[in-house]
Amino acid sequence: YLEKRNVPRLHIIEMEIDKYIPFCEYFILPYLVWFAYIAVSVVTFMFLDRKDYYKLCTMLGTGMTMFLCISYLWPNGLQLRPEVYPRDNFCTDLVRILHATDTSTNVFPSMHCYNSLVVNAAIWKNETLGKIKSIKWGSLLLCILILLSTLFLKQHSLMDLLAALMMFAALYLPLYVLPESQTKKQDKKIVSGKLS
């Protein structure tokens, strides 16, 4: 509905720095891996750790709901996509398909970026996955490549990425940081109580 509805005015998202970020079709590969990254992570957490699964789903669901509300109340879009692709190859063909199926509207904040940040944080915070260095650092590398892919494919402005970072931080604090600090305080009270 949001993609197809007629709006009186579309707010164009753009920053000056966007003009200096070159188009690079090879970033289509991490961009598309995102779909598996999110799906596999959600399924893994469902069986691995129910508590972390609920945190992950809460962050994903809340963020995507906020995105839909923003898109409904503040219709937005981009004018960054190249009119002519600089190279012609398999990756460019994939980008053509992406650009043909995914309009350059409702881009703020970037859900690709937000969801990647959420999944990576969940992996790092999980007691099992966070201890496996290859998974932990592999997730971070993939997350960074996905964030960059949104810019180099001209799917998003840097503003969309920054907004995704801010939305992530706003939800990460109450769901991860505050509960951890409360747990540490309770542990200190228990230890001090035993010592006294």
Protein backbone atom coordinates (compact mmCIF):
# COMPACT_ATOMS: atom_id res chain seq x y z
CA TYR A 1 0.00 0.00 0.00
CA LEU A 2 2.73 2.46 0.98
CA GLU A 3 4.65 1.78 -2.25
CA LYS A 4 1.65 2.29 -4.52
CA ARG A 5 -0.34 5.07 -2.86
CA ASN A 6 -0.37 8.55 -4.35
CA VAL A 7 1.06 11.22 -2.07
CA PRO A 8 0.87 15.00 -2.58
CA ARG A 9 4.55 15.45 -1.72
CA LEU A 10 7.53 13.12 -1.52
CA HIS A 11 10.31 14.26 0.80
CA ILE A 12 13.61 13.65 -0.97
CA ILE A 13 16.29 12.17 1.28
CA GLU A 14 19.77 13.26 0.31
CA MET A 15 23.03 14.44 1.84
CA GLU A 16 25.90 16.16 0.09
CA ILE A 17 28.21 13.23 0.83
CA ASP A 18 25.92 10.89 -1.15
CA LYS A 19 27.16 12.48 -4.37
CA TYR A 20 30.71 11.37 -3.60
CA ILE A 21 29.85 7.73 -2.93
CA PRO A 22 30.37 5.87 -6.21
CA PHE A 23 27.95 3.30 -7.54
CA CYS A 24 29.42 -0.21 -7.23
CA GLU A 25 27.31 -3.11 -8.46
CA TYR A 26 29.39 -5.76 -6.63
CA PHE A 27 27.76 -4.73 -3.37
CA ILE A 28 24.61 -6.45 -4.63
CA LEU A 29 26.06 -9.68 -3.21
CA PRO A 30 26.05 -8.70 0.50
CA TYR A 31 22.82 -6.77 -0.11
CA LEU A 32 21.08 -9.98 -1.22
CA VAL A 33 22.75 -12.14 1.45
CA TRP A 34 20.88 -9.91 3.94
CA PHE A 35 17.67 -11.90 3.37
CA ALA A 36 19.35 -15.16 4.47
CA TYR A 37 21.24 -13.37 7.27
CA ILE A 38 18.01 -12.19 8.89
CA ALA A 39 15.97 -15.35 8.28
CA VAL A 40 18.65 -17.82 9.41
CA SER A 41 19.41 -15.74 12.51
CA VAL A 42 15.76 -15.56 13.58
CA VAL A 43 15.28 -19.33 13.11
CA THR A 44 18.56 -20.08 14.92
CA PHE A 45 17.56 -17.97 17.93
CA MET A 46 14.14 -19.61 18.01
CA PHE A 47 15.78 -22.94 18.81
CA LEU A 48 18.94 -21.71 20.56
CA ASP A 49 17.77 -19.25 23.22
CA ARG A 50 14.13 -18.33 23.75
CA LYS A 51 14.90 -15.23 25.85
CA ASP A 52 17.26 -13.78 23.23
CA TYR A 53 14.82 -14.81 20.51
CA TYR A 54 12.11 -12.65 22.09
CA LYS A 55 14.51 -9.71 22.41
CA LEU A 56 15.51 -10.09 18.76
CA CYS A 57 11.90 -10.29 17.57
CA THR A 58 10.89 -7.35 19.77
CA MET A 59 13.62 -5.18 18.26
CA LEU A 60 12.90 -6.29 14.69
CA GLY A 61 9.14 -5.93 15.04
CA THR A 62 9.28 -2.56 16.83
CA GLY A 63 11.76 -1.12 14.33
CA MET A 64 9.82 -2.25 11.29
CA THR A 65 6.56 -0.95 12.76
CA MET A 66 8.20 2.42 13.41
CA PHE A 67 9.49 2.40 9.82
CA LEU A 68 5.96 1.82 8.46
CA CYS A 69 4.59 4.65 10.63
CA ILE A 70 7.32 7.04 9.45
CA SER A 71 6.72 6.08 5.81
CA TYR A 72 2.98 6.63 6.21
CA LEU A 73 3.23 9.98 8.00
CA TRP A 74 6.29 11.30 6.14
CA PRO A 75 6.44 9.88 2.59
CA ASN A 76 10.04 9.93 1.43
CA GLY A 77 12.24 8.82 -1.43
CA LEU A 78 15.57 9.04 -3.22
CA GLN A 79 16.93 10.46 -6.45
CA LEU A 80 20.34 8.82 -6.22
CA ARG A 81 20.05 5.88 -8.60
CA PRO A 82 22.22 6.09 -11.72
CA GLU A 83 20.41 6.71 -15.01
CA VAL A 84 23.09 4.70 -16.82
CA TYR A 85 25.00 1.89 -15.14
CA PRO A 86 28.77 2.35 -15.57
CA ARG A 87 29.44 -1.34 -16.28
CA ASP A 88 27.53 -4.25 -17.77
CA ASN A 89 27.95 -7.57 -15.98
CA PHE A 90 26.10 -10.18 -13.92
CA CYS A 91 26.03 -8.02 -10.78
CA THR A 92 24.69 -5.07 -12.78
CA ASP A 93 21.92 -7.33 -14.07
CA LEU A 94 21.01 -8.18 -10.47
CA VAL A 95 20.97 -4.47 -9.58
CA ARG A 96 18.67 -3.79 -12.55
CA ILE A 97 16.23 -6.40 -11.24
CA LEU A 98 16.45 -4.92 -7.73
CA HIS A 99 15.85 -1.38 -8.94
CA ALA A 100 12.95 -2.52 -11.12
CA THR A 101 11.19 -4.36 -8.29
CA ASP A 102 12.06 -2.11 -5.34
CA THR A 103 11.04 1.51 -5.82
CA SER A 104 13.16 4.34 -4.45
CA THR A 105 10.39 5.42 -2.05
CA ASN A 106 9.93 4.82 1.69
CA VAL A 107 13.64 4.55 2.42
CA PHE A 108 13.94 6.38 5.75
CA PRO A 109 15.28 4.84 7.93
CA SER A 110 16.96 1.93 6.13
CA MET A 111 15.44 -1.37 7.20
CA HIS A 112 18.36 -3.22 5.62
CA CYS A 113 20.69 -1.33 7.95
CA TYR A 114 18.50 -1.45 11.04
CA ASN A 115 17.76 -5.18 10.85
CA SER A 116 21.44 -5.96 10.22
CA LEU A 117 22.48 -3.99 13.30
CA VAL A 118 19.83 -5.76 15.40
CA VAL A 119 20.84 -9.27 14.29
CA ASN A 120 24.54 -8.56 14.75
CA ALA A 121 23.95 -7.20 18.27
CA ALA A 122 21.86 -10.27 19.16
CA ILE A 123 24.66 -12.57 17.98
CA TRP A 124 27.31 -10.65 19.92
CA LYS A 125 25.19 -10.62 23.10
CA ASN A 126 24.20 -14.29 22.96
CA GLU A 127 26.10 -16.46 25.45
CA THR A 128 26.60 -19.26 22.90
CA LEU A 129 27.14 -17.49 19.57
CA GLY A 130 29.06 -14.61 21.13
CA LYS A 131 31.79 -17.03 22.20
CA ILE A 132 32.34 -18.46 18.70
CA LYS A 133 34.80 -16.03 17.13
CA SER A 134 34.14 -17.04 13.52
CA ILE A 135 30.39 -16.42 13.90
CA LYS A 136 30.83 -13.26 15.96
CA TRP A 137 33.36 -11.56 13.65
CA GLY A 138 31.80 -12.99 10.50
CA SER A 139 28.49 -11.44 11.54
CA LEU A 140 30.13 -8.07 12.16
CA LEU A 141 31.88 -8.16 8.77
CA LEU A 142 28.65 -9.08 6.98
CA CYS A 143 26.77 -6.36 8.88
CA ILE A 144 29.30 -3.72 7.80
CA LEU A 145 29.20 -4.93 4.17
CA ILE A 146 25.39 -4.76 4.18
CA LEU A 147 25.45 -1.22 5.58
CA LEU A 148 27.92 -0.18 2.86
CA SER A 149 25.93 -1.99 0.17
CA THR A 150 22.90 0.21 0.76
CA LEU A 151 25.05 3.27 -0.04
CA PHE A 152 27.10 1.89 -2.94
CA LEU A 153 24.00 0.48 -4.68
CA LYS A 154 22.27 3.85 -4.27
CA GLN A 155 19.42 2.16 -2.42
CA HIS A 156 19.81 4.55 0.50
CA SER A 157 21.26 7.87 1.50
CA LEU A 158 23.74 8.16 4.34
CA MET A 159 20.87 9.88 6.18
CA ASP A 160 18.87 6.62 6.04
CA LEU A 161 21.80 4.72 7.53
CA LEU A 162 22.30 7.29 10.31
CA ALA A 163 18.58 7.21 11.14
CA ALA A 164 18.76 3.40 11.33
CA LEU A 165 21.71 3.69 13.73
CA MET A 166 19.79 6.11 15.95
CA MET A 167 16.68 3.93 15.96
CA PHE A 168 18.82 0.89 16.78
CA ALA A 169 20.48 2.71 19.69
CA ALA A 170 17.12 3.91 21.02
CA LEU A 171 15.81 0.33 21.22
CA TYR A 172 19.08 -1.37 22.14
CA LEU A 173 19.44 0.61 25.37
CA PRO A 174 16.16 -0.48 27.05
CA LEU A 175 16.31 -4.07 25.76
CA TYR A 176 19.98 -4.91 26.34
CA VAL A 177 21.96 -2.26 28.23
CA LEU A 178 19.54 -1.38 31.05
CA PRO A 179 18.62 -4.99 31.96
CA GLU A 180 22.33 -5.89 32.03
CA SER A 181 23.16 -3.00 34.38
CA GLN A 182 20.26 -3.97 36.69
CA THR A 183 21.46 -7.58 36.75
CA LYS A 184 25.00 -6.44 37.65
CA LYS A 185 23.62 -4.28 40.48
CA GLN A 186 21.61 -7.20 41.85
CA ASP A 187 24.66 -9.49 41.63
CA LYS A 188 26.75 -6.94 43.56
CA LYS A 189 24.06 -6.74 46.27
CA ILE A 190 23.99 -10.54 46.57
CA VAL A 191 27.80 -10.74 46.79
CA SER A 192 28.00 -7.89 49.33
CA GLY A 193 25.21 -9.50 51.35
CA LYS A 194 27.07 -12.81 51.49
CA LEU A 195 30.32 -11.10 52.46
CA SER A 196 28.68 -9.16 55.29
